[in-house]
Amino acid sequence: MRFEPGVEVMWRDRKRWLGLPWTFTRYYLAKKEGEWVKLFRHKGLLSARIDEINVYRCFDLTLQQTLADKIFRTGTIEVESNDAAAPVFHLRHIANPYKVRDVLSNLIEIERGKRRVGITEFQSPQD
């Protein structure tokens, strides 16, 4: 995937099958200094679909690891956001899922702090 000048790719990986990157789904975490930090999913070979989500819009991360994922040291991170186009964004079968989850979690907090964005959580009253 090509980015304009001044964009730094902080992390990249591919969806893996049996621990090997044999698929045409690629993931990127990129930032343009002082402007944005985004998560990209690029699917396809001949025709492509590129989804992106602003990191500050994310509010929940879930890491899932099956037995096969544990064997091949991969995992799936589910990113929930308030983005209308992609309310749930999956990073499927990526390498080093714990490290990626920690990096994403820290970036989300930093970007939300920069933009003064908060999450309002509602709890039902306990009887």
N, C-alpha and C. Protein backbone atom coordinates (compact mmCIF):
# COMPACT_ATOMS: atom_id res chain seq x y z
N MET A 1 0.86 -1.17 0.00
CA MET A 1 0.00 0.00 0.00
C MET A 1 0.90 1.23 0.00
N ARG A 2 0.54 2.20 -0.77
CA ARG A 2 1.34 3.42 -0.88
C ARG A 2 0.73 4.52 -0.03
N PHE A 3 1.59 5.23 0.64
CA PHE A 3 1.16 6.36 1.46
C PHE A 3 1.84 7.61 0.93
N GLU A 4 1.23 8.75 1.19
CA GLU A 4 1.81 10.01 0.75
C GLU A 4 3.08 10.32 1.56
N PRO A 5 3.92 11.22 1.07
CA PRO A 5 5.13 11.59 1.80
C PRO A 5 4.79 12.14 3.19
N GLY A 6 5.60 11.82 4.16
CA GLY A 6 5.39 12.30 5.52
C GLY A 6 4.58 11.33 6.38
N VAL A 7 4.16 10.20 5.81
CA VAL A 7 3.40 9.21 6.56
C VAL A 7 4.37 8.12 7.01
N GLU A 8 4.36 7.83 8.29
CA GLU A 8 5.22 6.80 8.87
C GLU A 8 4.38 5.55 9.16
N VAL A 9 4.80 4.43 8.63
CA VAL A 9 4.13 3.16 8.92
C VAL A 9 4.76 2.62 10.21
N MET A 10 3.97 2.57 11.28
CA MET A 10 4.46 2.16 12.58
C MET A 10 4.45 0.64 12.75
N TRP A 11 3.52 -0.01 12.09
CA TRP A 11 3.40 -1.47 12.18
C TRP A 11 2.73 -1.97 10.91
N ARG A 12 3.13 -3.14 10.46
CA ARG A 12 2.49 -3.78 9.32
C ARG A 12 2.57 -5.28 9.51
N ASP A 13 1.55 -5.95 9.01
CA ASP A 13 1.52 -7.41 9.07
C ASP A 13 0.51 -7.92 8.05
N ARG A 14 0.48 -9.21 7.88
CA ARG A 14 -0.48 -9.87 7.00
C ARG A 14 -1.30 -10.86 7.80
N LYS A 15 -2.49 -11.12 7.32
CA LYS A 15 -3.29 -12.19 7.88
C LYS A 15 -2.52 -13.48 7.59
N ARG A 16 -2.44 -14.34 8.58
CA ARG A 16 -1.64 -15.54 8.43
C ARG A 16 -2.50 -16.79 8.39
N TRP A 17 -2.02 -17.79 7.68
CA TRP A 17 -2.64 -19.10 7.61
C TRP A 17 -1.58 -20.11 7.99
N LEU A 18 -1.85 -20.87 9.06
CA LEU A 18 -0.87 -21.80 9.62
C LEU A 18 0.43 -21.08 9.97
N GLY A 19 0.30 -19.86 10.45
CA GLY A 19 1.45 -19.08 10.88
C GLY A 19 2.22 -18.40 9.77
N LEU A 20 1.84 -18.65 8.51
CA LEU A 20 2.57 -18.07 7.39
C LEU A 20 1.72 -17.02 6.67
N PRO A 21 2.35 -15.94 6.21
CA PRO A 21 1.60 -14.84 5.56
C PRO A 21 1.27 -15.14 4.10
N TRP A 22 0.38 -16.11 3.86
CA TRP A 22 0.03 -16.52 2.50
C TRP A 22 -1.25 -15.89 2.00
N THR A 23 -1.76 -14.90 2.63
CA THR A 23 -3.02 -14.31 2.22
C THR A 23 -2.79 -12.93 1.60
N PHE A 24 -3.86 -12.37 1.05
CA PHE A 24 -3.77 -11.05 0.43
C PHE A 24 -4.46 -9.99 1.28
N THR A 25 -4.50 -10.22 2.59
CA THR A 25 -5.02 -9.22 3.53
C THR A 25 -3.84 -8.67 4.32
N ARG A 26 -3.67 -7.36 4.24
CA ARG A 26 -2.55 -6.71 4.92
C ARG A 26 -3.09 -5.65 5.87
N TYR A 27 -2.39 -5.48 6.97
CA TYR A 27 -2.79 -4.51 7.99
C TYR A 27 -1.65 -3.52 8.19
N TYR A 28 -2.01 -2.25 8.40
CA TYR A 28 -1.03 -1.19 8.63
C TYR A 28 -1.51 -0.30 9.76
N LEU A 29 -0.59 0.17 10.56
CA LEU A 29 -0.83 1.23 11.53
C LEU A 29 0.09 2.36 11.11
N ALA A 30 -0.48 3.47 10.68
CA ALA A 30 0.31 4.56 10.12
C ALA A 30 -0.06 5.88 10.78
N LYS A 31 0.92 6.79 10.80
CA LYS A 31 0.64 8.12 11.34
C LYS A 31 1.27 9.18 10.47
N LYS A 32 0.57 10.31 10.44
CA LYS A 32 1.10 11.51 9.81
C LYS A 32 1.26 12.50 10.95
N GLU A 33 2.49 12.84 11.22
CA GLU A 33 2.82 13.63 12.41
C GLU A 33 1.97 14.88 12.55
N GLY A 34 1.35 15.01 13.71
CA GLY A 34 0.54 16.17 14.01
C GLY A 34 -0.84 16.17 13.40
N GLU A 35 -1.17 15.15 12.60
CA GLU A 35 -2.47 15.14 11.93
C GLU A 35 -3.34 13.95 12.32
N TRP A 36 -2.84 12.73 12.09
CA TRP A 36 -3.69 11.57 12.35
C TRP A 36 -2.86 10.31 12.60
N VAL A 37 -3.51 9.33 13.23
CA VAL A 37 -3.00 7.97 13.36
C VAL A 37 -4.16 7.08 12.94
N LYS A 38 -3.92 6.20 11.95
CA LYS A 38 -5.00 5.38 11.41
C LYS A 38 -4.57 3.92 11.32
N LEU A 39 -5.58 3.07 11.37
CA LEU A 39 -5.42 1.64 11.19
C LEU A 39 -6.04 1.29 9.84
N PHE A 40 -5.28 0.61 8.98
CA PHE A 40 -5.72 0.27 7.63
C PHE A 40 -5.80 -1.24 7.46
N ARG A 41 -6.79 -1.67 6.68
CA ARG A 41 -6.91 -3.08 6.26
C ARG A 41 -7.03 -3.07 4.75
N HIS A 42 -6.10 -3.72 4.09
CA HIS A 42 -6.05 -3.78 2.62
C HIS A 42 -6.29 -5.23 2.22
N LYS A 43 -7.42 -5.49 1.54
CA LYS A 43 -7.79 -6.84 1.11
C LYS A 43 -7.77 -6.92 -0.40
N GLY A 44 -7.23 -8.02 -0.92
CA GLY A 44 -7.34 -8.27 -2.35
C GLY A 44 -6.03 -8.23 -3.08
N LEU A 45 -6.06 -8.83 -4.28
CA LEU A 45 -4.89 -8.85 -5.15
C LEU A 45 -5.19 -8.10 -6.45
N LEU A 46 -6.15 -8.58 -7.21
CA LEU A 46 -6.48 -7.93 -8.48
C LEU A 46 -7.40 -6.73 -8.26
N SER A 47 -8.37 -6.89 -7.41
CA SER A 47 -9.18 -5.74 -6.99
C SER A 47 -8.98 -5.62 -5.49
N ALA A 48 -9.00 -4.42 -5.01
CA ALA A 48 -8.67 -4.20 -3.60
C ALA A 48 -9.78 -3.45 -2.87
N ARG A 49 -9.89 -3.75 -1.60
CA ARG A 49 -10.77 -2.99 -0.71
C ARG A 49 -9.90 -2.52 0.45
N ILE A 50 -9.91 -1.23 0.68
CA ILE A 50 -9.09 -0.65 1.75
C ILE A 50 -10.02 0.01 2.76
N ASP A 51 -9.97 -0.48 3.99
CA ASP A 51 -10.73 0.10 5.08
C ASP A 51 -9.76 0.82 5.99
N GLU A 52 -10.21 1.93 6.56
CA GLU A 52 -9.37 2.65 7.52
C GLU A 52 -10.22 3.14 8.67
N ILE A 53 -9.57 3.27 9.80
CA ILE A 53 -10.27 3.77 10.98
C ILE A 53 -9.31 4.67 11.76
N ASN A 54 -9.80 5.81 12.21
CA ASN A 54 -9.00 6.70 13.04
C ASN A 54 -8.85 6.07 14.42
N VAL A 55 -7.64 6.05 14.92
CA VAL A 55 -7.36 5.38 16.19
C VAL A 55 -8.12 6.02 17.35
N TYR A 56 -8.31 7.32 17.32
CA TYR A 56 -8.99 7.97 18.44
C TYR A 56 -10.46 7.56 18.54
N ARG A 57 -11.03 6.99 17.49
CA ARG A 57 -12.42 6.55 17.51
C ARG A 57 -12.60 5.18 18.16
N CYS A 58 -11.51 4.48 18.41
CA CYS A 58 -11.57 3.13 18.99
C CYS A 58 -11.81 3.23 20.50
N PHE A 59 -12.61 2.30 21.03
CA PHE A 59 -12.85 2.33 22.47
C PHE A 59 -12.72 0.98 23.14
N ASP A 60 -12.58 -0.11 22.40
CA ASP A 60 -12.44 -1.40 23.04
C ASP A 60 -11.61 -2.34 22.18
N LEU A 61 -10.70 -3.08 22.82
CA LEU A 61 -9.88 -4.07 22.14
C LEU A 61 -10.12 -5.42 22.79
N THR A 62 -10.26 -6.44 21.98
CA THR A 62 -10.41 -7.80 22.48
C THR A 62 -9.43 -8.69 21.73
N LEU A 63 -8.67 -9.47 22.47
CA LEU A 63 -7.72 -10.40 21.87
C LEU A 63 -8.29 -11.80 21.97
N GLN A 64 -8.36 -12.49 20.83
CA GLN A 64 -8.85 -13.87 20.80
C GLN A 64 -7.74 -14.76 20.27
N GLN A 65 -7.57 -15.92 20.93
CA GLN A 65 -6.54 -16.85 20.51
C GLN A 65 -7.07 -18.27 20.63
N THR A 66 -7.19 -18.95 19.50
CA THR A 66 -7.60 -20.35 19.50
C THR A 66 -6.38 -21.22 19.79
N LEU A 67 -6.60 -22.51 19.93
CA LEU A 67 -5.48 -23.42 20.15
C LEU A 67 -4.51 -23.36 18.97
N ALA A 68 -5.04 -23.34 17.75
CA ALA A 68 -4.18 -23.23 16.56
C ALA A 68 -3.40 -21.92 16.58
N ASP A 69 -4.04 -20.83 17.00
CA ASP A 69 -3.34 -19.55 17.10
C ASP A 69 -2.20 -19.63 18.10
N LYS A 70 -2.43 -20.29 19.22
CA LYS A 70 -1.37 -20.45 20.23
C LYS A 70 -0.21 -21.25 19.68
N ILE A 71 -0.52 -22.31 18.94
CA ILE A 71 0.54 -23.14 18.36
C ILE A 71 1.38 -22.34 17.38
N PHE A 72 0.72 -21.53 16.53
CA PHE A 72 1.44 -20.76 15.51
C PHE A 72 1.79 -19.35 15.95
N ARG A 73 1.54 -19.04 17.24
CA ARG A 73 1.87 -17.73 17.83
C ARG A 73 1.21 -16.58 17.07
N THR A 74 -0.08 -16.75 16.78
CA THR A 74 -0.86 -15.70 16.15
C THR A 74 -2.09 -15.43 17.00
N GLY A 75 -2.90 -14.48 16.60
CA GLY A 75 -4.13 -14.16 17.31
C GLY A 75 -4.94 -13.16 16.52
N THR A 76 -6.17 -12.96 16.96
CA THR A 76 -7.07 -12.01 16.32
C THR A 76 -7.42 -10.90 17.31
N ILE A 77 -7.26 -9.67 16.89
CA ILE A 77 -7.63 -8.53 17.71
C ILE A 77 -8.90 -7.92 17.12
N GLU A 78 -9.90 -7.78 17.97
CA GLU A 78 -11.17 -7.18 17.57
C GLU A 78 -11.18 -5.75 18.12
N VAL A 79 -11.28 -4.79 17.23
CA VAL A 79 -11.26 -3.37 17.61
C VAL A 79 -12.68 -2.83 17.45
N GLU A 80 -13.27 -2.36 18.53
CA GLU A 80 -14.60 -1.75 18.46
C GLU A 80 -14.43 -0.24 18.44
N SER A 81 -15.23 0.40 17.60
CA SER A 81 -15.13 1.85 17.47
C SER A 81 -16.51 2.45 17.26
N ASN A 82 -16.55 3.77 17.30
CA ASN A 82 -17.80 4.46 17.02
C ASN A 82 -17.82 4.96 15.58
N ASP A 83 -17.07 4.31 14.71
CA ASP A 83 -17.05 4.62 13.29
C ASP A 83 -18.23 3.93 12.62
N ALA A 84 -19.05 4.67 11.89
CA ALA A 84 -20.26 4.12 11.29
C ALA A 84 -19.95 3.06 10.23
N ALA A 85 -18.88 3.24 9.46
CA ALA A 85 -18.56 2.30 8.39
C ALA A 85 -17.97 1.00 8.91
N ALA A 86 -17.22 1.06 10.00
CA ALA A 86 -16.57 -0.14 10.54
C ALA A 86 -16.66 -0.15 12.07
N PRO A 87 -17.84 -0.47 12.62
CA PRO A 87 -17.96 -0.48 14.08
C PRO A 87 -17.12 -1.57 14.73
N VAL A 88 -16.88 -2.67 14.02
CA VAL A 88 -15.99 -3.73 14.52
C VAL A 88 -14.97 -4.00 13.42
N PHE A 89 -13.71 -3.89 13.79
CA PHE A 89 -12.60 -4.00 12.86
C PHE A 89 -11.73 -5.15 13.35
N HIS A 90 -11.57 -6.19 12.55
CA HIS A 90 -10.79 -7.36 12.96
C HIS A 90 -9.40 -7.36 12.33
N LEU A 91 -8.42 -7.61 13.15
CA LEU A 91 -7.06 -7.87 12.68
C LEU A 91 -6.88 -9.37 12.88
N ARG A 92 -7.14 -10.15 11.84
CA ARG A 92 -7.23 -11.61 11.96
C ARG A 92 -5.87 -12.30 11.81
N HIS A 93 -5.62 -13.20 12.73
CA HIS A 93 -4.46 -14.10 12.69
C HIS A 93 -3.15 -13.36 12.43
N ILE A 94 -2.86 -12.39 13.26
CA ILE A 94 -1.63 -11.61 13.12
C ILE A 94 -0.56 -12.17 14.06
N ALA A 95 0.69 -11.93 13.72
CA ALA A 95 1.81 -12.34 14.56
C ALA A 95 1.93 -11.38 15.75
N ASN A 96 2.45 -11.86 16.85
CA ASN A 96 2.68 -11.06 18.07
C ASN A 96 1.43 -10.29 18.51
N PRO A 97 0.31 -10.96 18.70
CA PRO A 97 -0.94 -10.24 19.00
C PRO A 97 -0.91 -9.49 20.32
N TYR A 98 -0.18 -9.98 21.33
CA TYR A 98 -0.13 -9.29 22.62
C TYR A 98 0.62 -7.96 22.49
N LYS A 99 1.72 -7.98 21.75
CA LYS A 99 2.50 -6.76 21.54
C LYS A 99 1.68 -5.73 20.75
N VAL A 100 1.00 -6.19 19.70
CA VAL A 100 0.18 -5.29 18.88
C VAL A 100 -0.96 -4.70 19.70
N ARG A 101 -1.60 -5.53 20.53
CA ARG A 101 -2.68 -5.03 21.38
C ARG A 101 -2.18 -3.94 22.32
N ASP A 102 -1.00 -4.14 22.91
CA ASP A 102 -0.45 -3.13 23.82
C ASP A 102 -0.12 -1.83 23.09
N VAL A 103 0.47 -1.93 21.91
CA VAL A 103 0.79 -0.74 21.12
C VAL A 103 -0.49 0.01 20.76
N LEU A 104 -1.49 -0.72 20.28
CA LEU A 104 -2.77 -0.09 19.92
C LEU A 104 -3.43 0.57 21.13
N SER A 105 -3.44 -0.13 22.23
CA SER A 105 -4.07 0.41 23.43
C SER A 105 -3.41 1.72 23.87
N ASN A 106 -2.09 1.75 23.87
CA ASN A 106 -1.37 2.97 24.24
C ASN A 106 -1.64 4.10 23.25
N LEU A 107 -1.63 3.79 21.96
CA LEU A 107 -1.90 4.83 20.95
C LEU A 107 -3.32 5.38 21.06
N ILE A 108 -4.28 4.50 21.35
CA ILE A 108 -5.66 4.96 21.51
C ILE A 108 -5.75 5.97 22.64
N GLU A 109 -5.13 5.66 23.77
CA GLU A 109 -5.17 6.57 24.92
C GLU A 109 -4.48 7.90 24.59
N ILE A 110 -3.35 7.84 23.92
CA ILE A 110 -2.61 9.07 23.56
C ILE A 110 -3.44 9.93 22.61
N GLU A 111 -3.99 9.33 21.56
CA GLU A 111 -4.76 10.08 20.57
C GLU A 111 -6.06 10.64 21.16
N ARG A 112 -6.71 9.88 22.02
CA ARG A 112 -7.93 10.37 22.67
C ARG A 112 -7.61 11.55 23.58
N GLY A 113 -6.48 11.48 24.26
CA GLY A 113 -6.06 12.59 25.11
C GLY A 113 -5.75 13.84 24.31
N LYS A 114 -5.10 13.69 23.16
CA LYS A 114 -4.78 14.84 22.30
C LYS A 114 -6.04 15.54 21.81
N ARG A 115 -7.06 14.78 21.51
CA ARG A 115 -8.29 15.33 20.95
C ARG A 115 -9.36 15.58 22.02
N ARG A 116 -9.02 15.28 23.25
CA ARG A 116 -9.94 15.45 24.38
C ARG A 116 -11.27 14.73 24.12
N VAL A 117 -11.14 13.50 23.66
CA VAL A 117 -12.30 12.66 23.39
C VAL A 117 -12.46 11.70 24.56
N GLY A 118 -13.67 11.59 25.06
CA GLY A 118 -13.93 10.67 26.17
C GLY A 118 -15.03 9.71 25.81
N ILE A 119 -15.15 8.67 26.59
CA ILE A 119 -16.20 7.67 26.42
C ILE A 119 -17.17 7.82 27.57
N THR A 120 -18.42 7.94 27.24
CA THR A 120 -19.45 7.97 28.27
C THR A 120 -19.98 6.56 28.41
N GLU A 121 -19.82 6.02 29.59
CA GLU A 121 -20.29 4.67 29.84
C GLU A 121 -21.53 4.73 30.69
N PHE A 122 -22.51 3.93 30.33
CA PHE A 122 -23.75 3.90 31.06
C PHE A 122 -23.85 2.57 31.79
N GLN A 123 -24.27 2.64 33.03
CA GLN A 123 -24.48 1.43 33.80
C GLN A 123 -25.92 1.41 34.24
N SER A 124 -26.52 0.24 34.18
CA SER A 124 -27.89 0.14 34.67
C SER A 124 -27.85 0.08 36.19
N PRO A 125 -28.82 0.70 36.84
CA PRO A 125 -28.82 0.70 38.30
C PRO A 125 -29.02 -0.72 38.84
N GLN A 126 -28.28 -1.03 39.89
CA GLN A 126 -28.38 -2.33 40.54
C GLN A 126 -29.53 -2.31 41.53
N ASP A 127 -30.33 -3.36 41.51
CA ASP A 127 -31.46 -3.46 42.45
C ASP A 127 -31.01 -4.01 43.78
